[in-house]
Amino acid sequence: MTFYESCVRGALRAYKLTLSPLIGRQCRFLPTCSEYAADALIGHGPWRGSWLAARRLCRCHPWGGSGYDPPPPPRRGAKDGPARTWTCET
């Protein structure tokens, strides 16, 4: 576990122990918005993960959707090689 991942998981744990009991269980999605944010931050990094978490929080309202909504899988980086291999069949 990297230092960054430990910090994100620690912040999630602190939120669940302090603020979450005061607010109550309000999230309509599974995983909850806080768990989604932690997974997005760890899987996508701080910039894209924050964007995904903010989009999710905007969708979590009484007239929004509900149900199972995991974060998208991480994009493959340039150092990992191309995401798709195109072939030409003749």
N, C-alpha and C. Protein backbone atom coordinates (compact mmCIF):
# COMPACT_ATOMS: atom_id res chain seq x y z
N MET A 1 0.85 -1.16 0.00
CA MET A 1 0.00 0.00 0.00
C MET A 1 0.90 1.23 0.00
N THR A 2 0.66 2.13 -0.93
CA THR A 2 1.46 3.34 -1.03
C THR A 2 1.04 4.35 0.03
N PHE A 3 1.88 5.37 0.21
CA PHE A 3 1.58 6.43 1.17
C PHE A 3 0.30 7.16 0.77
N TYR A 4 0.14 7.42 -0.53
CA TYR A 4 -1.06 8.11 -1.03
C TYR A 4 -2.32 7.29 -0.71
N GLU A 5 -2.26 5.99 -0.98
CA GLU A 5 -3.41 5.13 -0.71
C GLU A 5 -3.71 5.07 0.78
N SER A 6 -2.69 5.03 1.61
CA SER A 6 -2.88 5.03 3.07
C SER A 6 -3.56 6.31 3.53
N CYS A 7 -3.16 7.45 2.95
CA CYS A 7 -3.78 8.73 3.31
C CYS A 7 -5.25 8.77 2.91
N VAL A 8 -5.56 8.30 1.71
CA VAL A 8 -6.95 8.30 1.25
C VAL A 8 -7.80 7.37 2.12
N ARG A 9 -7.30 6.18 2.39
CA ARG A 9 -8.05 5.24 3.24
C ARG A 9 -8.19 5.78 4.66
N GLY A 10 -7.16 6.46 5.18
CA GLY A 10 -7.23 7.06 6.51
C GLY A 10 -8.27 8.18 6.57
N ALA A 11 -8.33 8.99 5.51
CA ALA A 11 -9.34 10.05 5.45
C ALA A 11 -10.75 9.46 5.39
N LEU A 12 -10.92 8.38 4.64
CA LEU A 12 -12.23 7.72 4.58
C LEU A 12 -12.62 7.18 5.96
N ARG A 13 -11.67 6.55 6.64
CA ARG A 13 -11.93 6.01 7.97
C ARG A 13 -12.30 7.12 8.96
N ALA A 14 -11.56 8.24 8.90
CA ALA A 14 -11.84 9.37 9.78
C ALA A 14 -13.23 9.94 9.50
N TYR A 15 -13.60 10.04 8.23
CA TYR A 15 -14.94 10.53 7.87
C TYR A 15 -16.01 9.60 8.43
N LYS A 16 -15.81 8.29 8.26
CA LYS A 16 -16.82 7.34 8.72
C LYS A 16 -16.96 7.32 10.23
N LEU A 17 -15.89 7.63 10.96
CA LEU A 17 -15.96 7.64 12.42
C LEU A 17 -16.48 8.95 12.99
N THR A 18 -16.31 10.07 12.27
CA THR A 18 -16.68 11.37 12.83
C THR A 18 -17.94 11.97 12.21
N LEU A 19 -17.90 12.25 10.92
CA LEU A 19 -19.02 12.96 10.28
C LEU A 19 -20.17 12.06 9.87
N SER A 20 -19.87 10.88 9.41
CA SER A 20 -20.92 10.00 8.89
C SER A 20 -22.01 9.69 9.93
N PRO A 21 -21.68 9.41 11.20
CA PRO A 21 -22.75 9.17 12.17
C PRO A 21 -23.63 10.40 12.40
N LEU A 22 -23.06 11.60 12.26
CA LEU A 22 -23.85 12.82 12.46
C LEU A 22 -24.79 13.08 11.30
N ILE A 23 -24.32 12.78 10.08
CA ILE A 23 -25.12 13.03 8.87
C ILE A 23 -26.17 11.95 8.68
N GLY A 24 -25.82 10.73 8.98
CA GLY A 24 -26.72 9.60 8.76
C GLY A 24 -26.51 9.01 7.38
N ARG A 25 -27.07 7.85 7.17
CA ARG A 25 -26.91 7.17 5.89
C ARG A 25 -27.89 7.77 4.89
N GLN A 26 -27.37 8.58 3.99
CA GLN A 26 -28.19 9.27 3.02
C GLN A 26 -27.94 8.83 1.59
N CYS A 27 -26.85 8.12 1.34
CA CYS A 27 -26.46 7.80 -0.03
C CYS A 27 -27.41 6.77 -0.64
N ARG A 28 -27.79 7.00 -1.87
CA ARG A 28 -28.73 6.14 -2.58
C ARG A 28 -28.01 5.09 -3.41
N PHE A 29 -26.70 5.17 -3.47
CA PHE A 29 -25.91 4.29 -4.32
C PHE A 29 -25.13 3.28 -3.50
N LEU A 30 -24.66 2.25 -4.17
CA LEU A 30 -23.75 1.28 -3.59
C LEU A 30 -22.59 1.14 -4.55
N PRO A 31 -21.36 1.32 -4.22
CA PRO A 31 -20.84 1.72 -2.92
C PRO A 31 -21.25 3.14 -2.57
N THR A 32 -21.17 3.47 -1.29
CA THR A 32 -21.57 4.81 -0.86
C THR A 32 -20.69 5.86 -1.53
N CYS A 33 -21.11 7.09 -1.48
CA CYS A 33 -20.36 8.17 -2.14
C CYS A 33 -18.95 8.31 -1.57
N SER A 34 -18.79 8.12 -0.25
CA SER A 34 -17.46 8.23 0.33
C SER A 34 -16.57 7.08 -0.12
N GLU A 35 -17.09 5.88 -0.20
CA GLU A 35 -16.31 4.74 -0.67
C GLU A 35 -15.99 4.89 -2.16
N TYR A 36 -16.95 5.40 -2.92
CA TYR A 36 -16.72 5.67 -4.35
C TYR A 36 -15.59 6.68 -4.52
N ALA A 37 -15.61 7.74 -3.72
CA ALA A 37 -14.57 8.77 -3.82
C ALA A 37 -13.20 8.19 -3.49
N ALA A 38 -13.11 7.36 -2.45
CA ALA A 38 -11.83 6.75 -2.09
C ALA A 38 -11.34 5.84 -3.22
N ASP A 39 -12.23 5.01 -3.78
CA ASP A 39 -11.84 4.12 -4.87
C ASP A 39 -11.42 4.90 -6.10
N ALA A 40 -12.15 5.98 -6.41
CA ALA A 40 -11.81 6.80 -7.58
C ALA A 40 -10.47 7.50 -7.38
N LEU A 41 -10.23 8.03 -6.19
CA LEU A 41 -8.96 8.71 -5.92
C LEU A 41 -7.78 7.74 -6.00
N ILE A 42 -7.95 6.54 -5.49
CA ILE A 42 -6.87 5.56 -5.53
C ILE A 42 -6.67 5.03 -6.94
N GLY A 43 -7.75 4.73 -7.64
CA GLY A 43 -7.65 4.13 -8.96
C GLY A 43 -7.29 5.10 -10.07
N HIS A 44 -7.69 6.37 -9.94
CA HIS A 44 -7.51 7.33 -11.03
C HIS A 44 -6.57 8.48 -10.70
N GLY A 45 -6.13 8.57 -9.45
CA GLY A 45 -5.25 9.66 -9.07
C GLY A 45 -6.05 10.84 -8.53
N PRO A 46 -5.35 11.85 -8.02
CA PRO A 46 -6.05 12.95 -7.36
C PRO A 46 -6.89 13.83 -8.27
N TRP A 47 -6.45 14.08 -9.50
CA TRP A 47 -7.20 15.01 -10.37
C TRP A 47 -8.45 14.37 -10.94
N ARG A 48 -8.29 13.27 -11.67
CA ARG A 48 -9.45 12.61 -12.28
C ARG A 48 -10.34 11.99 -11.20
N GLY A 49 -9.72 11.47 -10.13
CA GLY A 49 -10.50 10.90 -9.03
C GLY A 49 -11.38 11.94 -8.36
N SER A 50 -10.85 13.15 -8.18
CA SER A 50 -11.67 14.23 -7.60
C SER A 50 -12.82 14.61 -8.52
N TRP A 51 -12.55 14.64 -9.82
CA TRP A 51 -13.60 14.96 -10.79
C TRP A 51 -14.70 13.90 -10.75
N LEU A 52 -14.32 12.62 -10.73
CA LEU A 52 -15.31 11.54 -10.67
C LEU A 52 -16.11 11.60 -9.38
N ALA A 53 -15.44 11.89 -8.26
CA ALA A 53 -16.14 11.98 -6.97
C ALA A 53 -17.12 13.15 -6.96
N ALA A 54 -16.72 14.29 -7.52
CA ALA A 54 -17.62 15.45 -7.57
C ALA A 54 -18.84 15.17 -8.44
N ARG A 55 -18.62 14.51 -9.58
CA ARG A 55 -19.75 14.14 -10.44
C ARG A 55 -20.71 13.21 -9.72
N ARG A 56 -20.17 12.26 -8.96
CA ARG A 56 -21.02 11.33 -8.22
C ARG A 56 -21.82 12.05 -7.16
N LEU A 57 -21.19 12.98 -6.43
CA LEU A 57 -21.91 13.73 -5.40
C LEU A 57 -23.04 14.56 -6.00
N CYS A 58 -22.84 15.06 -7.21
CA CYS A 58 -23.89 15.83 -7.87
C CYS A 58 -25.07 14.94 -8.28
N ARG A 59 -24.82 13.67 -8.50
CA ARG A 59 -25.90 12.74 -8.87
C ARG A 59 -26.64 12.19 -7.66
N CYS A 60 -26.07 12.35 -6.47
CA CYS A 60 -26.66 11.77 -5.27
C CYS A 60 -27.62 12.78 -4.63
N HIS A 61 -28.83 12.81 -5.12
CA HIS A 61 -29.87 13.68 -4.57
C HIS A 61 -31.20 12.95 -4.67
N PRO A 62 -32.25 13.43 -4.00
CA PRO A 62 -33.52 12.69 -3.95
C PRO A 62 -34.13 12.39 -5.32
N TRP A 63 -33.87 13.21 -6.32
CA TRP A 63 -34.47 12.97 -7.63
C TRP A 63 -33.51 12.30 -8.59
N GLY A 64 -32.35 11.92 -8.09
CA GLY A 64 -31.34 11.26 -8.92
C GLY A 64 -31.56 9.76 -8.96
N GLY A 65 -30.59 9.07 -9.51
CA GLY A 65 -30.67 7.63 -9.62
C GLY A 65 -30.32 6.94 -8.31
N SER A 66 -30.28 5.62 -8.39
CA SER A 66 -29.88 4.83 -7.23
C SER A 66 -29.43 3.47 -7.74
N GLY A 67 -28.85 2.69 -6.87
CA GLY A 67 -28.43 1.34 -7.23
C GLY A 67 -26.92 1.19 -7.24
N TYR A 68 -26.45 0.14 -7.88
CA TYR A 68 -25.03 -0.18 -7.93
C TYR A 68 -24.35 0.70 -8.97
N ASP A 69 -23.35 1.46 -8.55
CA ASP A 69 -22.65 2.39 -9.43
C ASP A 69 -21.18 2.48 -9.02
N PRO A 70 -20.36 1.51 -9.44
CA PRO A 70 -18.94 1.55 -9.08
C PRO A 70 -18.18 2.56 -9.93
N PRO A 71 -16.99 2.97 -9.49
CA PRO A 71 -16.19 3.87 -10.33
C PRO A 71 -15.74 3.14 -11.59
N PRO A 72 -15.52 3.87 -12.68
CA PRO A 72 -15.07 3.21 -13.91
C PRO A 72 -13.67 2.64 -13.71
N PRO A 73 -13.32 1.63 -14.48
CA PRO A 73 -11.96 1.07 -14.35
C PRO A 73 -10.93 2.11 -14.76
N PRO A 74 -9.74 2.07 -14.15
CA PRO A 74 -8.69 3.04 -14.50
C PRO A 74 -8.29 2.93 -15.96
N ARG A 75 -7.97 4.08 -16.55
CA ARG A 75 -7.47 4.09 -17.92
C ARG A 75 -6.07 3.54 -17.95
N ARG A 76 -5.72 2.94 -19.05
CA ARG A 76 -4.37 2.44 -19.21
C ARG A 76 -3.47 3.60 -19.57
N GLY A 77 -2.32 3.67 -18.94
CA GLY A 77 -1.37 4.75 -19.19
C GLY A 77 -0.55 4.49 -20.44
N ALA A 78 0.13 5.52 -20.91
CA ALA A 78 0.95 5.40 -22.10
C ALA A 78 2.11 4.43 -21.87
N LYS A 79 2.62 4.36 -20.64
CA LYS A 79 3.72 3.46 -20.36
C LYS A 79 3.29 1.99 -20.37
N ASP A 80 1.99 1.72 -20.24
CA ASP A 80 1.50 0.35 -20.26
C ASP A 80 1.30 -0.18 -21.67
N GLY A 81 1.42 0.68 -22.64
CA GLY A 81 1.19 0.26 -24.02
C GLY A 81 -0.19 0.69 -24.48
N PRO A 82 -0.52 0.40 -25.71
CA PRO A 82 -1.82 0.83 -26.23
C PRO A 82 -2.96 0.07 -25.56
N ALA A 83 -4.09 0.76 -25.42
CA ALA A 83 -5.24 0.14 -24.79
C ALA A 83 -5.86 -0.91 -25.70
N ARG A 84 -5.81 -0.69 -27.00
CA ARG A 84 -6.36 -1.64 -27.96
C ARG A 84 -5.34 -1.91 -29.05
N THR A 85 -5.38 -3.09 -29.56
CA THR A 85 -4.53 -3.43 -30.67
C THR A 85 -5.41 -3.60 -31.89
N TRP A 86 -5.18 -2.78 -32.90
CA TRP A 86 -5.99 -2.83 -34.10
C TRP A 86 -5.30 -3.72 -35.12
N THR A 87 -6.08 -4.57 -35.73
CA THR A 87 -5.55 -5.44 -36.77
C THR A 87 -6.35 -5.22 -38.03
N CYS A 88 -5.71 -5.43 -39.13
CA CYS A 88 -6.38 -5.27 -40.43
C CYS A 88 -6.45 -6.65 -41.08
N GLU A 89 -7.66 -7.11 -41.26
CA GLU A 89 -7.84 -8.43 -41.89
C GLU A 89 -8.27 -8.23 -43.32
N THR A 90 -7.64 -8.95 -44.22
CA THR A 90 -8.02 -8.85 -45.64
C THR A 90 -8.44 -10.18 -46.16
